[in-house]
Protein backbone atom coordinates (compact mmCIF):
# COMPACT_ATOMS: atom_id res chain seq x y z
CA LEU A 1 0.00 0.00 0.00
CA LYS A 2 2.83 2.38 0.88
CA GLN A 3 4.53 1.60 -2.44
CA MET A 4 1.34 2.44 -4.32
CA GLU A 5 1.09 5.76 -2.48
CA ASN A 6 4.73 6.54 -3.27
CA LEU A 7 4.11 5.72 -6.94
CA LYS A 8 1.07 8.02 -7.02
CA GLN A 9 3.13 10.83 -5.47
CA GLN A 10 5.92 10.33 -8.02
CA GLN A 11 3.42 10.39 -10.87
CA HIS A 12 1.82 13.56 -9.52
CA ARG A 13 5.22 15.27 -9.16
CA ALA A 14 6.05 14.29 -12.74
CA LEU A 15 2.72 15.74 -13.92
CA VAL A 16 3.36 19.00 -12.05
CA GLU A 17 6.78 19.29 -13.70
CA GLN A 18 5.32 18.51 -17.13
CA VAL A 19 2.56 21.12 -16.80
CA GLY A 20 5.14 23.66 -15.62
CA ARG A 21 7.30 23.08 -18.68
CA GLN A 22 4.33 23.00 -21.03
CA LEU A 23 2.69 26.25 -19.96
CA ARG A 24 5.91 28.31 -19.83
CA ASP A 25 5.66 28.62 -23.59
CA PRO A 26 4.76 32.25 -24.43
CA GLN A 27 2.52 30.97 -27.24
CA ARG A 28 0.32 29.31 -24.62
CA SER A 29 0.33 31.51 -21.53
CA PRO A 30 0.69 35.19 -20.64
CA ALA A 31 3.92 35.85 -18.77
CA LEU A 32 6.27 38.45 -17.37
CA GLY A 33 9.96 37.89 -17.93
CA LYS A 34 11.90 35.65 -20.28
CA PRO A 35 10.90 32.03 -20.97
CA ASP A 36 14.54 31.02 -20.38
CA SER A 37 14.74 32.62 -16.92
CA LYS A 38 16.49 30.55 -14.27
CA HIS A 39 13.26 30.25 -12.23
CA TYR A 40 9.55 30.36 -12.94
CA VAL A 41 6.46 31.00 -10.87
CA MET A 42 3.24 29.83 -12.48
CA GLU A 43 0.02 31.02 -10.89
CA PHE A 44 -3.35 29.43 -11.57
CA PHE A 45 -5.67 32.31 -10.66
CA ASP A 46 -9.25 33.56 -10.82
CA PHE A 47 -10.06 37.22 -11.50
CA ASN A 48 -12.59 37.10 -8.62
CA CYS A 49 -10.19 35.51 -6.12
CA GLY A 50 -9.31 37.79 -3.21
CA TYR A 51 -6.19 35.76 -2.35
CA CYS A 52 -5.04 35.98 -5.99
CA LYS A 53 -5.49 39.75 -5.82
CA TYR A 54 -3.49 39.77 -2.59
CA MET A 55 -0.67 37.93 -4.40
CA GLU A 56 -0.57 40.25 -7.43
CA PRO A 57 1.89 42.82 -5.97
CA PHE A 58 4.16 39.92 -4.92
CA MET A 59 4.08 38.51 -8.45
CA LYS A 60 4.99 41.89 -9.89
CA GLU A 61 7.80 42.37 -7.38
CA VAL A 62 9.44 38.99 -8.01
CA SER A 63 9.16 39.45 -11.78
CA GLU A 64 11.01 42.77 -11.52
CA ASP A 65 13.77 41.57 -9.18
CA PRO A 66 16.90 41.11 -11.34
CA LYS A 67 18.60 38.98 -8.66
CA LEU A 68 15.85 36.36 -8.88
CA ASP A 69 15.74 35.95 -12.70
CA VAL A 70 12.10 34.79 -12.65
CA GLN A 71 9.48 34.30 -15.29
CA VAL A 72 5.94 34.78 -13.90
CA VAL A 73 3.32 32.81 -15.85
CA TYR A 74 -0.40 33.53 -15.49
CA VAL A 75 -2.84 30.66 -15.99
CA ASN A 76 -6.53 31.59 -15.93
CA TYR A 77 -8.43 29.11 -13.78
CA PRO A 78 -11.92 30.59 -13.32
CA VAL A 79 -13.63 28.52 -10.64
CA LEU A 80 -15.47 31.13 -8.58
CA ALA A 81 -18.10 32.69 -10.83
CA GLU A 82 -19.47 32.97 -14.34
CA SER A 83 -17.96 36.47 -14.49
CA SER A 84 -14.56 34.88 -13.86
CA GLN A 85 -15.03 32.70 -16.94
CA LYS A 86 -16.10 35.62 -19.11
CA ALA A 87 -13.14 37.74 -17.99
CA ALA A 88 -10.76 34.79 -18.51
CA VAL A 89 -11.93 34.23 -22.10
CA LEU A 90 -11.79 37.96 -22.81
CA GLY A 91 -8.28 38.16 -21.36
CA LEU A 92 -7.07 35.17 -23.38
CA ALA A 93 -8.53 36.70 -26.54
CA LEU A 94 -6.63 39.91 -25.84
CA TYR A 95 -3.46 37.92 -25.26
CA GLN A 96 -3.84 35.97 -28.48
CA MET A 97 -4.68 39.06 -30.52
CA LYS A 98 -2.19 41.51 -28.99
CA PRO A 99 -0.12 40.02 -26.14
CA GLU A 100 0.94 43.32 -24.60
CA SER A 101 -2.71 44.28 -24.07
CA TYR A 102 -3.25 41.31 -21.75
CA LEU A 103 -0.96 42.46 -18.94
CA LYS A 104 -2.77 45.79 -18.60
CA PHE A 105 -6.12 43.98 -18.57
CA HIS A 106 -4.80 41.55 -15.95
CA ARG A 107 -3.33 44.21 -13.67
CA VAL A 108 -6.41 46.42 -13.77
CA LEU A 109 -8.77 43.55 -12.94
CA MET A 110 -6.47 42.25 -10.22
CA ASN A 111 -6.22 45.61 -8.46
CA GLY A 112 -9.71 44.90 -7.12
CA GLU A 113 -11.30 48.22 -8.03
CA HIS A 114 -13.48 47.00 -10.91
CA GLU A 115 -16.67 44.97 -10.97
CA ILE A 116 -15.92 42.31 -13.53
CA ASP A 117 -19.51 41.14 -13.68
CA LYS A 118 -20.46 44.35 -15.52
CA GLU A 119 -20.10 44.19 -19.31
CA GLU A 120 -19.64 47.95 -19.47
CA THR A 121 -16.59 47.69 -17.19
CA LEU A 122 -15.04 45.03 -19.43
CA ARG A 123 -15.92 47.00 -22.57
CA LYS A 124 -14.15 50.12 -21.22
CA LEU A 125 -11.15 48.13 -20.05
CA VAL A 126 -10.73 46.47 -23.46
CA ALA A 127 -10.78 49.96 -25.03
CA GLU A 128 -8.18 51.17 -22.50
CA CYS A 129 -6.01 48.25 -23.61
CA GLY A 130 -6.13 49.66 -27.14
CA MET A 131 -8.51 47.05 -28.54
CA ASP A 132 -12.00 47.20 -30.05
CA TYR A 133 -14.47 45.27 -27.87
CA GLU A 134 -16.59 44.07 -30.80
CA ALA A 135 -13.47 42.83 -32.64
CA VAL A 136 -12.44 40.90 -29.53
CA VAL A 137 -15.92 39.38 -29.20
CA ASP A 138 -15.78 38.36 -32.89
CA TYR A 139 -12.39 36.75 -32.26
CA ILE A 140 -13.84 34.81 -29.32
CA ARG A 141 -16.49 33.36 -31.65
CA GLY A 142 -13.62 31.57 -33.41
CA GLU A 143 -13.24 29.64 -30.13
CA LYS A 144 -9.43 29.76 -29.86
CA PRO A 145 -9.49 31.50 -26.44
CA VAL A 146 -12.23 29.13 -25.23
CA LYS A 147 -10.15 26.13 -26.28
CA GLN A 148 -7.12 27.55 -24.45
CA LEU A 149 -9.19 28.04 -21.31
CA MET A 150 -10.55 24.49 -21.60
CA GLU A 151 -6.96 23.22 -21.78
CA TYR A 152 -6.07 25.17 -18.63
CA MET A 153 -9.13 23.78 -16.84
CA SER A 154 -8.33 20.22 -17.91
CA LEU A 155 -4.72 20.53 -16.75
CA GLY A 156 -5.89 22.05 -13.47
CA ARG A 157 -8.31 19.21 -12.83
CA SER A 158 -5.58 16.66 -13.60
CA LEU A 159 -3.45 18.39 -10.95
CA GLY A 160 -6.31 18.28 -8.46
CA ILE A 161 -6.67 22.06 -8.24
CA ALA A 162 -9.85 22.82 -6.30
CA GLY A 163 -9.22 26.52 -5.63
CA THR A 164 -7.00 29.46 -6.35
CA PRO A 165 -4.30 30.55 -6.07
CA TYR A 166 -2.30 27.46 -6.95
CA PHE A 167 1.38 27.77 -7.84
CA ILE A 168 3.99 25.75 -9.67
CA ILE A 169 7.42 27.07 -8.77
CA ASP A 170 10.30 25.46 -10.63
CA GLY A 171 8.33 22.22 -10.98
CA ARG A 172 6.99 22.08 -7.40
CA GLU A 173 3.40 22.77 -6.40
CA TYR A 174 2.13 25.08 -3.68
CA ARG A 175 -1.51 25.55 -2.79
CA GLY A 176 -2.82 28.85 -1.46
CA ALA A 177 -1.44 32.34 -1.02
CA PHE A 178 1.98 33.09 0.43
CA PRO A 179 1.88 35.21 3.59
CA SER A 180 4.52 37.64 2.30
CA VAL A 181 6.67 38.44 -0.69
CA GLU A 182 9.64 37.24 1.36
CA ALA A 183 8.03 33.81 1.74
CA LEU A 184 7.48 33.66 -2.03
CA LYS A 185 11.08 34.69 -2.70
CA ALA A 186 12.29 32.01 -0.28
CA ARG A 187 10.39 29.35 -2.25
CA ILE A 188 11.93 30.60 -5.46
CA THR A 189 15.53 30.74 -4.24
CA ASP A 190 15.55 27.71 -1.95
CA ALA A 191 14.12 24.53 -3.40
CA SER A 192 14.22 22.98 0.07
CA ALA A 193 12.12 25.73 1.68
CA PRO A 194 9.14 24.23 3.51
């Protein structure tokens, strides 16, 4: 029985590492930093998640710290509300159409000052990102962003993700928010950190 449990744990660790490698590709996931950075922090997040919003300044800080050499990868995982799903698809469409527009969209929604369940809010934000809302909606009809989101959701379920935030840091998983940016940095720089 113990051997079976060990085997399951090894298989899960291998899956976490595989997903981490797979989603670091800038063609698949929005990211800050270079894909060949020494370290990576991948966050499965929901635009309605308060803990994800709490983590956003930490993510920005580690991505801008030249001593860390970190790529931050954002993986939409909308589990909290229908508005999360709509914002995720809209964000992925922006990323696929004009990648630089996504990060502004992401940061504004994650600052917690906007009601993402209001279409007018999303419409204005898309315009602020330099994109035409109707053109983005037309692009979504082609289903590419929906397919990308479905892939994220499938990968998340295979990892057993039940809530956000969920992190993969250099091939190791961490569930839940970090209490401080220092705790996040410790996980990045010390693979043996608890």
